[in-house]
Amino acid sequence: MSPIFRTFLKVVAAAGVIAWVLVLDMVGAATHSETTLFSGLMMAPPSLHADEAVQWSLAKAAAEGAAYSDNQDKFHGPALALAARGVFALRGLKFDDATESDLRFVPFLFHLLVCAAPLALRGVSWPLKASAAVILFLSSAGCYFGQYYIQESLLVAGFVWGTLLWTESADDPRPGWKLAPAGAGFGLALACKVTAAAYLVILLLALLFLARETLTWRRTAWAVAGASLIWLSLQTWLFTDMDGVAAWGRQFWRSFAVASGNEDTLALTNPGYWWTVGLWLTALAVMRLLRAGARSVRDVPLALAVGCFLFHLALPYKTPWLLFLPVCLSLAVVWPRLAEESVLSRTFSAFLATAFVCASALVLERHTDTCFHGNGLARGIAEYRRSWQRANPGKPFYVAVDGGHYWPLPYYLRAFQVGYGDFEGAERAPVRFLQAQDDSRPAAPGRRTYSLSIREGERFWLLLQDVGGVGAELEVTGLR
């Protein structure tokens, strides 16, 4: 092959990669994916979702000395809170000063770990490993969770790396302590959500069926030691909250009560994403069955991904967040290994993976976004406070928030003295948030009333006292 022709092939390959990246990004832009390279990471993030604000509140309280084990979170452990505390300490940040971007930067670091997982695969060519990493990064694994202040990125990073390290060490005659980091990944996942315990059971079944020879006492002991150390240290807030172990047990039973449909279950409302993930995993399973070779430990990640998918498919509780692990496992580990057989299989697998993440962006059912611009609301109330205090010197300024699902308001009102629910003096608060039961705008003498949409179908009335006989005005996007 002449040097000119080789150069021509390299140019064509480079152009193909650039075109492929742009296609992924255009799909992300068209579907408003928050984690595509140009259309998402370079844009200002939207207001915090309610779940993100709740996790911020729990982490802030724990950093101030409250026991994390006392909270009533049905599913989540303290791993995200501790990770945020560590990152904020390095950056010199406090939770009260953290912006949305500061909060979301923490799980995004773990999403980058997931994206780096394909680079650690042995026996896979660098073009395939790099392609898998790019797909994971640009598409956020066909989801939008990689950049949100929730536990999923930490859980998935722990499980992907734990599974990868276990399978990659199978050929090492003396892996020894090398399996402790694999266990540490599983321990991190356990300290994120109790659902990780079910994933570990599925992993154990996959190992018993496909790679029983890797479950030696020595290998298992190192992995269990690593998992126990990391889980206990995180679950007990670095051994300062030993009740965290009992709290994990309570969360375990509560979470399965929800998952089994006995309480607070989220039913399936849009099956498109579930069908897409199911077809993708089916395609990978068919590719593996068509390949020659006996079953081995290299098949465990695919079995784990399929098992997790079927586990959640069988339970009444349905949300796209549950599929983040099987999708990441399949994109980070499974398809690069299956593709490493021929040029045709590499091309077809890369095309299939790209088609999957593009289809996922089109059918994914996103969470209900926060409707109002949170920082704009905070700035508007701060300006109103200055006018109110000039008209009422010496009087305390405070905000009253009625009951109901008011999150993420506590995050955006953190600079003010706020009372929640029914308390003495709530009706006299200069600023009141009343949950709207219907479209009847409340008549409040001496107050200006605005309508504030929190989320789709959830609305509050915002009542401001007149300042010096002049109606209060508030310039905030989303108010009516």
Protein backbone atom coordinates (compact mmCIF):
# COMPACT_ATOMS: atom_id res chain seq x y z
CA MET A 1 0.00 0.00 0.00
CA SER A 2 1.51 3.29 -1.05
CA PRO A 3 2.14 6.11 1.48
CA ILE A 4 -0.22 8.38 -0.44
CA PHE A 5 -3.04 5.84 -0.24
CA ARG A 6 -2.43 5.29 3.49
CA THR A 7 -2.59 9.04 4.03
CA PHE A 8 -5.81 9.18 2.05
CA LEU A 9 -7.36 6.44 4.25
CA LYS A 10 -6.36 8.32 7.41
CA VAL A 11 -7.97 11.51 6.11
CA VAL A 12 -11.16 9.63 5.22
CA ALA A 13 -11.22 7.97 8.64
CA ALA A 14 -10.70 11.31 10.41
CA ALA A 15 -13.49 12.90 8.37
CA GLY A 16 -15.74 9.98 9.22
CA VAL A 17 -15.06 10.36 12.94
CA ILE A 18 -15.76 14.11 12.81
CA ALA A 19 -19.00 13.50 10.90
CA TRP A 20 -20.00 10.81 13.39
CA VAL A 21 -19.40 13.13 16.36
CA LEU A 22 -21.40 15.91 14.69
CA VAL A 23 -24.31 13.53 14.01
CA LEU A 24 -24.41 12.54 17.66
CA ASP A 25 -24.29 16.16 18.73
CA MET A 26 -27.00 17.27 16.30
CA VAL A 27 -29.29 14.55 17.60
CA GLY A 28 -28.57 15.78 21.12
CA ALA A 29 -29.30 19.36 20.11
CA ALA A 30 -32.55 18.37 18.43
CA THR A 31 -33.68 16.47 21.53
CA HIS A 32 -32.31 19.02 24.03
CA SER A 33 -29.94 16.49 25.58
CA GLU A 34 -28.07 18.17 28.42
CA THR A 35 -24.87 16.18 28.01
CA THR A 36 -23.97 16.43 24.35
CA LEU A 37 -20.65 18.15 23.81
CA PHE A 38 -21.59 21.45 22.16
CA SER A 39 -25.34 21.68 22.69
CA GLY A 40 -25.30 20.64 26.33
CA LEU A 41 -22.04 21.03 28.22
CA MET A 42 -21.51 24.53 26.91
CA MET A 43 -25.00 25.71 27.84
CA ALA A 44 -26.12 27.09 31.19
CA PRO A 45 -27.87 24.29 33.08
CA PRO A 46 -31.59 24.58 33.86
CA SER A 47 -32.95 25.08 37.34
CA LEU A 48 -32.45 22.23 39.78
CA HIS A 49 -34.93 19.39 39.69
CA ALA A 50 -36.75 18.66 42.94
CA ASP A 51 -34.70 15.52 43.63
CA GLU A 52 -31.46 17.44 43.15
CA ALA A 53 -32.54 20.09 45.63
CA VAL A 54 -33.47 17.43 48.18
CA GLN A 55 -30.03 15.84 47.86
CA TRP A 56 -28.44 19.28 48.26
CA SER A 57 -30.43 19.85 51.45
CA LEU A 58 -29.45 16.49 52.95
CA ALA A 59 -25.78 16.99 52.09
CA LYS A 60 -25.79 20.52 53.51
CA ALA A 61 -27.40 19.36 56.77
CA ALA A 62 -24.91 16.49 57.12
CA ALA A 63 -21.98 18.83 56.47
CA GLU A 64 -23.31 21.04 59.29
CA GLY A 65 -23.36 18.12 61.73
CA ALA A 66 -26.80 16.52 61.29
CA ALA A 67 -26.81 12.73 61.16
CA TYR A 68 -27.44 11.58 57.60
CA SER A 69 -29.02 8.41 59.00
CA ASP A 70 -31.90 10.46 60.43
CA ASN A 71 -33.28 11.49 57.04
CA GLN A 72 -36.31 9.81 55.52
CA ASP A 73 -34.86 9.15 52.07
CA LYS A 74 -36.38 5.90 50.85
CA PHE A 75 -33.54 4.91 48.52
CA HIS A 76 -30.32 6.91 48.81
CA GLY A 77 -27.23 6.73 50.95
CA PRO A 78 -24.64 9.39 51.84
CA ALA A 79 -22.11 8.69 49.05
CA LEU A 80 -23.10 11.70 46.92
CA ALA A 81 -23.13 14.00 49.94
CA LEU A 82 -19.65 12.90 51.01
CA ALA A 83 -18.30 13.19 47.48
CA ALA A 84 -19.71 16.72 47.20
CA ARG A 85 -18.26 17.65 50.57
CA GLY A 86 -14.82 16.46 49.47
CA VAL A 87 -14.94 18.26 46.12
CA PHE A 88 -16.23 21.44 47.75
CA ALA A 89 -13.48 21.31 50.38
CA LEU A 90 -10.85 21.14 47.64
CA ARG A 91 -12.50 24.06 45.86
CA GLY A 92 -13.10 26.10 49.04
CA LEU A 93 -16.89 26.06 48.55
CA LYS A 94 -19.75 25.89 51.02
CA PHE A 95 -23.07 24.23 50.24
CA ASP A 96 -24.90 27.56 50.63
CA ASP A 97 -22.63 29.10 47.99
CA ALA A 98 -22.79 26.19 45.53
CA THR A 99 -24.42 26.97 42.19
CA GLU A 100 -26.28 24.43 40.08
CA SER A 101 -23.11 23.90 38.07
CA ASP A 102 -21.05 23.37 41.23
CA LEU A 103 -23.44 20.68 42.42
CA ARG A 104 -23.67 18.93 39.07
CA PHE A 105 -19.92 18.95 38.62
CA VAL A 106 -19.61 16.28 41.34
CA PRO A 107 -21.59 13.48 39.64
CA PHE A 108 -20.20 14.59 36.29
CA LEU A 109 -16.73 13.60 37.54
CA PHE A 110 -18.04 10.08 38.11
CA HIS A 111 -19.69 10.10 34.70
CA LEU A 112 -16.24 10.80 33.27
CA LEU A 113 -15.04 7.67 35.10
CA VAL A 114 -17.75 5.69 33.32
CA CYS A 115 -16.64 7.19 30.00
CA ALA A 116 -13.05 6.14 30.76
CA ALA A 117 -13.97 2.51 31.48
CA PRO A 118 -13.66 1.31 27.85
CA LEU A 119 -10.06 2.55 27.78
CA ALA A 120 -9.15 -0.09 30.39
CA LEU A 121 -10.38 -3.02 28.27
CA ARG A 122 -7.66 -5.50 27.32
CA GLY A 123 -7.65 -7.23 23.96
CA VAL A 124 -9.69 -4.44 22.35
CA SER A 125 -8.24 -2.11 19.73
CA TRP A 126 -7.76 1.53 20.59
CA PRO A 127 -10.13 2.79 17.85
CA LEU A 128 -12.94 0.71 19.39
CA LYS A 129 -12.10 1.76 22.94
CA ALA A 130 -11.97 5.42 21.94
CA SER A 131 -15.25 5.08 20.03
CA ALA A 132 -16.98 3.63 23.08
CA ALA A 133 -15.63 6.41 25.30
CA VAL A 134 -16.81 9.10 22.87
CA ILE A 135 -20.28 7.55 22.59
CA LEU A 136 -20.59 7.44 26.37
CA PHE A 137 -19.43 11.02 26.75
CA LEU A 138 -21.47 12.61 23.98
CA SER A 139 -24.69 10.74 24.68
CA SER A 140 -24.44 10.36 28.46
CA ALA A 141 -25.08 6.67 27.77
CA GLY A 142 -28.30 7.35 25.96
CA CYS A 143 -29.68 9.09 29.04
CA TYR A 144 -29.33 12.55 30.58
CA PHE A 145 -28.21 11.57 34.07
CA GLY A 146 -24.47 12.05 33.81
CA GLN A 147 -24.61 15.72 34.75
CA TYR A 148 -27.40 15.80 37.34
CA TYR A 149 -26.89 16.04 41.11
CA ILE A 150 -28.28 12.59 41.83
CA GLN A 151 -26.76 9.28 42.94
CA GLU A 152 -26.96 7.40 39.63
CA SER A 153 -23.60 8.46 38.17
CA LEU A 154 -21.78 7.35 41.33
CA LEU A 155 -23.63 4.03 41.49
CA VAL A 156 -23.02 3.27 37.82
CA ALA A 157 -19.34 4.27 37.99
CA GLY A 158 -18.82 1.95 40.94
CA PHE A 159 -20.60 -0.99 39.35
CA VAL A 160 -19.10 -0.59 35.87
CA TRP A 161 -15.56 -0.42 37.23
CA GLY A 162 -16.19 -3.18 39.77
CA THR A 163 -17.46 -5.53 37.07
CA LEU A 164 -14.71 -4.52 34.66
CA LEU A 165 -11.90 -5.08 37.19
CA TRP A 166 -13.33 -8.46 38.20
CA THR A 167 -13.56 -9.72 34.64
CA GLU A 168 -10.20 -8.28 33.55
CA SER A 169 -8.44 -9.97 36.48
CA ALA A 170 -9.79 -13.42 35.58
CA ASP A 171 -6.69 -14.24 33.49
CA ASP A 172 -4.28 -13.12 36.19
CA PRO A 173 -3.00 -16.20 38.07
CA ARG A 174 -2.36 -14.14 41.20
CA PRO A 175 -4.77 -11.16 41.22
CA GLY A 176 -4.72 -10.87 45.00
CA TRP A 177 -5.13 -7.31 46.19
CA LYS A 178 -6.05 -6.15 42.67
CA LEU A 179 -9.62 -7.26 43.38
CA ALA A 180 -9.94 -4.90 46.35
CA PRO A 181 -10.61 -1.92 43.98
CA ALA A 182 -13.31 -4.01 42.29
CA GLY A 183 -14.95 -4.51 45.67
CA ALA A 184 -14.51 -0.81 46.42
CA GLY A 185 -16.60 -0.03 43.34
CA PHE A 186 -19.38 -2.28 44.61
CA GLY A 187 -19.11 -0.68 48.06
CA LEU A 188 -19.53 2.77 46.51
CA ALA A 189 -22.65 1.56 44.70
CA LEU A 190 -24.12 0.15 47.94
CA ALA A 191 -23.61 3.50 49.66
CA CYS A 192 -25.50 5.25 46.82
CA LYS A 193 -28.73 3.26 46.65
CA VAL A 194 -29.88 0.04 48.28
CA THR A 195 -30.93 -1.19 44.83
CA ALA A 196 -27.25 -2.04 44.38
CA ALA A 197 -27.80 -5.04 46.66
CA ALA A 198 -30.13 -6.55 44.05
CA TYR A 199 -27.53 -5.85 41.36
CA LEU A 200 -24.92 -7.71 43.40
CA VAL A 201 -27.21 -10.73 43.62
CA ILE A 202 -27.67 -10.65 39.84
CA LEU A 203 -23.90 -10.38 39.40
CA LEU A 204 -23.33 -13.37 41.70
CA LEU A 205 -25.82 -15.46 39.72
CA ALA A 206 -24.09 -14.48 36.46
CA LEU A 207 -20.72 -15.49 37.89
CA LEU A 208 -22.06 -18.81 39.18
CA PHE A 209 -23.51 -19.63 35.78
CA LEU A 210 -20.77 -18.28 33.50
CA ALA A 211 -17.54 -18.06 35.47
CA ARG A 212 -17.74 -20.15 38.61
CA GLU A 213 -13.97 -20.70 38.46
CA THR A 214 -13.36 -17.02 39.29
CA LEU A 215 -15.22 -17.28 42.60
CA THR A 216 -12.26 -18.59 44.55
CA TRP A 217 -12.03 -17.90 48.27
CA ARG A 218 -8.99 -15.65 47.79
CA ARG A 219 -10.54 -13.54 45.03
CA THR A 220 -13.87 -13.28 46.84
CA ALA A 221 -12.22 -12.35 50.16
CA TRP A 222 -10.30 -9.45 48.59
CA ALA A 223 -13.41 -8.14 46.83
CA VAL A 224 -15.57 -8.45 49.95
CA ALA A 225 -12.91 -6.67 52.02
CA GLY A 226 -12.77 -3.77 49.57
CA ALA A 227 -16.56 -3.52 49.36
CA SER A 228 -17.02 -3.69 53.15
CA LEU A 229 -14.41 -1.02 53.87
CA ILE A 230 -15.75 1.50 51.35
CA TRP A 231 -19.42 0.82 52.08
CA LEU A 232 -18.99 1.07 55.86
CA SER A 233 -16.88 4.22 55.69
CA LEU A 234 -19.33 5.97 53.37
CA GLN A 235 -22.50 4.63 54.98
CA THR A 236 -21.38 5.79 58.43
CA TRP A 237 -20.18 9.22 57.22
CA LEU A 238 -16.52 8.25 57.73
CA PHE A 239 -17.34 6.22 60.86
CA THR A 240 -18.96 9.17 62.66
CA ASP A 241 -22.59 8.01 62.22
CA MET A 242 -22.73 4.30 63.01
CA ASP A 243 -26.54 4.38 62.85
CA GLY A 244 -26.05 4.66 59.09
CA VAL A 245 -25.82 0.86 58.90
CA ALA A 246 -29.26 0.44 60.50
CA ALA A 247 -30.59 3.23 58.26
CA TRP A 248 -29.41 1.26 55.23
CA GLY A 249 -31.45 -1.72 56.44
CA ARG A 250 -34.56 0.42 56.85
CA GLN A 251 -34.07 1.88 53.38
CA PHE A 252 -33.67 -1.61 51.97
CA TRP A 253 -37.14 -2.69 53.05
CA ARG A 254 -38.76 0.64 52.18
CA SER A 255 -37.25 0.63 48.70
CA PHE A 256 -38.59 -2.80 47.85
CA ALA A 257 -41.99 -1.79 49.18
CA VAL A 258 -41.95 0.98 46.60
CA ALA A 259 -40.48 -1.18 43.83
CA SER A 260 -43.04 -3.94 44.38
CA GLY A 261 -45.94 -1.53 44.04
CA ASN A 262 -47.04 -1.40 47.66
CA GLU A 263 -46.44 2.35 48.08
CA ASP A 264 -45.48 5.45 46.08
CA THR A 265 -44.90 3.47 42.90
CA LEU A 266 -44.19 5.28 39.63
CA ALA A 267 -45.98 3.39 36.89
CA LEU A 268 -44.71 3.14 33.33
CA THR A 269 -46.08 6.06 31.30
CA ASN A 270 -43.91 5.97 28.17
CA PRO A 271 -42.58 2.55 27.10
CA GLY A 272 -40.50 3.88 24.19
CA TYR A 273 -37.20 4.01 26.06
CA TRP A 274 -37.75 0.59 27.64
CA TRP A 275 -38.41 -0.93 24.22
CA THR A 276 -35.28 0.75 22.82
CA VAL A 277 -33.03 -0.56 25.60
CA GLY A 278 -34.64 -4.00 25.38
CA LEU A 279 -34.01 -4.21 21.63
CA TRP A 280 -30.43 -3.01 22.07
CA LEU A 281 -29.67 -5.67 24.70
CA THR A 282 -31.39 -8.30 22.57
CA ALA A 283 -29.18 -7.36 19.61
CA LEU A 284 -26.07 -7.71 21.77
CA ALA A 285 -27.25 -11.09 23.07
CA VAL A 286 -27.86 -12.33 19.52
CA MET A 287 -24.39 -11.12 18.47
CA ARG A 288 -22.87 -13.09 21.33
CA LEU A 289 -24.83 -16.24 20.50
CA LEU A 290 -23.69 -16.06 16.87
CA ARG A 291 -20.06 -15.89 17.91
CA ALA A 292 -18.07 -19.06 18.42
CA GLY A 293 -16.58 -19.88 21.79
CA ALA A 294 -17.62 -21.26 25.13
CA ARG A 295 -19.17 -19.05 27.77
CA SER A 296 -16.65 -17.29 29.98
CA VAL A 297 -16.16 -14.47 32.45
CA ARG A 298 -16.13 -12.03 29.50
CA ASP A 299 -19.88 -12.73 29.11
CA VAL A 300 -20.66 -11.62 32.67
CA PRO A 301 -21.17 -7.87 31.90
CA LEU A 302 -23.76 -8.72 29.22
CA ALA A 303 -25.53 -11.16 31.54
CA LEU A 304 -25.51 -8.53 34.30
CA ALA A 305 -26.91 -5.85 31.98
CA VAL A 306 -29.69 -8.14 30.76
CA GLY A 307 -30.41 -9.35 34.30
CA CYS A 308 -30.74 -5.81 35.67
CA PHE A 309 -33.03 -4.87 32.79
CA LEU A 310 -35.28 -7.91 33.36
CA PHE A 311 -35.27 -7.29 37.13
CA HIS A 312 -36.66 -3.78 36.72
CA LEU A 313 -38.95 -4.86 33.90
CA ALA A 314 -40.59 -7.39 36.23
CA LEU A 315 -41.25 -4.85 39.02
CA PRO A 316 -44.13 -2.33 38.91
CA TYR A 317 -41.87 0.65 39.68
CA LYS A 318 -40.74 2.17 36.38
CA THR A 319 -38.50 5.14 35.68
CA PRO A 320 -35.78 5.60 33.01
CA TRP A 321 -33.22 6.17 35.78
CA LEU A 322 -33.31 2.42 36.50
CA LEU A 323 -31.82 1.60 33.10
CA PHE A 324 -28.70 3.73 33.44
CA LEU A 325 -26.60 0.80 34.70
CA PRO A 326 -27.50 -1.78 32.03
CA VAL A 327 -27.07 0.85 29.31
CA CYS A 328 -23.66 1.99 30.61
CA LEU A 329 -22.45 -1.59 31.06
CA SER A 330 -23.45 -2.48 27.53
CA LEU A 331 -21.89 0.62 25.96
CA ALA A 332 -18.71 0.68 28.05
CA VAL A 333 -17.79 -3.02 28.14
CA VAL A 334 -20.06 -5.33 26.15
CA TRP A 335 -20.19 -4.00 22.59
CA PRO A 336 -16.46 -3.17 22.31
CA ARG A 337 -15.61 -6.76 23.25
CA LEU A 338 -18.19 -8.22 20.89
CA ALA A 339 -17.00 -6.00 18.06
CA GLU A 340 -13.35 -7.10 18.29
CA GLU A 341 -13.67 -9.94 15.79
CA SER A 342 -13.53 -8.49 12.28
CA VAL A 343 -13.67 -5.21 10.40
CA LEU A 344 -17.29 -5.94 9.53
CA SER A 345 -18.28 -6.58 13.15
CA ARG A 346 -16.48 -3.42 14.28
CA THR A 347 -18.26 -1.28 11.72
CA PHE A 348 -21.66 -2.85 12.35
CA SER A 349 -21.31 -2.65 16.13
CA ALA A 350 -20.26 1.01 16.05
CA PHE A 351 -23.20 1.79 13.78
CA LEU A 352 -25.56 -0.13 16.08
CA ALA A 353 -24.29 1.65 19.20
CA THR A 354 -24.63 5.04 17.52
CA ALA A 355 -28.14 4.21 16.35
CA PHE A 356 -29.06 3.12 19.87
CA VAL A 357 -27.96 6.31 21.61
CA CYS A 358 -29.61 8.45 18.92
CA ALA A 359 -32.85 6.49 19.23
CA SER A 360 -32.65 6.76 23.02
CA ALA A 361 -32.41 10.54 22.82
CA LEU A 362 -35.56 10.58 20.70
CA VAL A 363 -37.71 8.34 22.93
CA LEU A 364 -36.35 9.00 26.40
CA GLU A 365 -38.99 10.21 28.84
CA ARG A 366 -37.38 12.95 30.87
CA HIS A 367 -38.26 13.97 34.38
CA THR A 368 -40.64 16.87 34.90
CA ASP A 369 -38.43 19.95 34.65
CA THR A 370 -38.59 22.89 37.00
CA CYS A 371 -40.56 25.56 35.16
CA PHE A 372 -39.29 28.74 36.77
CA HIS A 373 -35.81 30.29 36.58
CA GLY A 374 -34.64 29.74 40.15
CA ASN A 375 -31.80 32.25 40.25
CA GLY A 376 -34.03 34.90 38.70
CA LEU A 377 -36.64 34.28 41.41
CA ALA A 378 -34.00 34.62 44.13
CA ARG A 379 -32.69 37.87 42.64
CA GLY A 380 -36.22 39.27 42.32
CA ILE A 381 -37.05 38.52 45.96
CA ALA A 382 -33.70 39.99 47.06
CA GLU A 383 -34.52 43.25 45.24
CA TYR A 384 -37.99 43.27 46.76
CA ARG A 385 -36.46 42.71 50.24
CA ARG A 386 -34.36 45.87 49.88
CA SER A 387 -37.47 47.91 49.00
CA TRP A 388 -39.48 46.30 51.80
CA GLN A 389 -36.79 46.95 54.42
CA ARG A 390 -36.52 50.62 53.39
CA ALA A 391 -40.28 50.93 53.91
CA ASN A 392 -40.24 48.85 57.14
CA PRO A 393 -36.99 49.67 58.97
CA GLY A 394 -36.21 47.38 61.89
CA LYS A 395 -38.85 44.78 61.04
CA PRO A 396 -37.81 41.19 60.24
CA PHE A 397 -38.09 40.08 56.64
CA TYR A 398 -39.03 36.44 56.14
CA VAL A 399 -40.69 34.11 53.65
CA ALA A 400 -43.53 31.67 54.34
CA VAL A 401 -43.98 28.61 52.12
CA ASP A 402 -47.21 26.66 52.30
CA GLY A 403 -47.23 22.87 52.42
CA GLY A 404 -47.15 20.72 49.33
CA HIS A 405 -44.41 19.61 46.97
CA TYR A 406 -42.44 22.86 47.08
CA TRP A 407 -39.01 21.53 46.10
CA PRO A 408 -36.67 22.94 44.74
CA LEU A 409 -37.75 26.22 46.38
CA PRO A 410 -35.61 25.64 49.53
CA TYR A 411 -32.45 25.73 47.42
CA TYR A 412 -33.35 29.00 45.69
CA LEU A 413 -34.64 30.63 48.89
CA ARG A 414 -31.58 29.63 50.95
CA ALA A 415 -30.44 33.28 51.31
CA PHE A 416 -33.64 34.20 53.17
CA GLN A 417 -35.23 33.32 56.50
CA VAL A 418 -37.92 30.84 55.45
CA GLY A 419 -40.65 29.03 57.33
CA TYR A 420 -42.39 25.99 55.86
CA GLY A 421 -45.90 24.78 56.51
CA ASP A 422 -48.29 26.25 59.06
CA PHE A 423 -46.47 28.35 61.67
CA GLU A 424 -47.31 31.39 63.76
CA GLY A 425 -46.94 34.55 61.70
CA ALA A 426 -47.06 32.84 58.32
CA GLU A 427 -50.02 34.93 57.22
CA ARG A 428 -48.06 38.15 58.01
CA ALA A 429 -44.92 37.18 56.06
CA PRO A 430 -43.83 39.83 53.53
CA VAL A 431 -43.49 37.02 50.97
CA ARG A 432 -45.87 34.06 50.93
CA PHE A 433 -46.00 31.00 48.69
CA LEU A 434 -49.46 29.39 48.72
CA GLN A 435 -50.12 26.13 46.93
CA ALA A 436 -52.63 26.70 44.11
CA GLN A 437 -55.57 24.30 44.21
CA ASP A 438 -57.29 25.82 41.18
CA ASP A 439 -57.15 28.91 38.93
CA SER A 440 -58.91 31.17 41.44
CA ARG A 441 -56.40 33.90 42.16
CA PRO A 442 -56.55 34.65 45.91
CA ALA A 443 -57.76 38.11 46.89
CA ALA A 444 -55.34 39.47 49.50
CA PRO A 445 -55.78 43.13 50.48
CA GLY A 446 -52.49 44.98 50.55
CA ARG A 447 -50.71 42.33 48.48
CA ARG A 448 -49.79 41.76 44.85
CA THR A 449 -50.40 38.19 43.66
CA TYR A 450 -48.42 36.26 41.06
CA SER A 451 -48.78 32.77 39.67
CA LEU A 452 -45.59 30.66 39.83
CA SER A 453 -45.43 27.29 38.07
CA ILE A 454 -43.11 24.92 39.92
CA ARG A 455 -43.53 21.97 37.56
CA GLU A 456 -46.08 20.87 35.04
CA GLY A 457 -49.36 20.59 36.94
CA GLU A 458 -47.91 22.08 40.16
CA ARG A 459 -48.35 25.76 40.87
CA PHE A 460 -48.03 28.24 43.75
CA TRP A 461 -49.43 31.70 44.32
CA LEU A 462 -46.72 34.20 45.26
CA LEU A 463 -48.06 37.00 47.48
CA LEU A 464 -46.01 40.15 48.15
CA GLN A 465 -46.91 42.89 50.59
CA ASP A 466 -47.31 46.36 49.15
CA VAL A 467 -44.31 48.55 49.92
CA GLY A 468 -45.22 51.96 51.27
CA GLY A 469 -48.66 51.84 49.66
CA VAL A 470 -47.18 51.01 46.26
CA GLY A 471 -47.88 47.64 44.67
CA ALA A 472 -44.85 45.40 44.71
CA GLU A 473 -43.42 44.50 41.34
CA LEU A 474 -41.28 41.45 40.66
CA GLU A 475 -39.43 40.99 37.39
CA VAL A 476 -38.99 37.22 37.20
CA THR A 477 -39.33 34.95 34.18
CA GLY A 478 -42.18 32.51 34.67
CA LEU A 479 -44.36 34.71 36.87
CA ARG A 480 -47.80 35.71 35.71
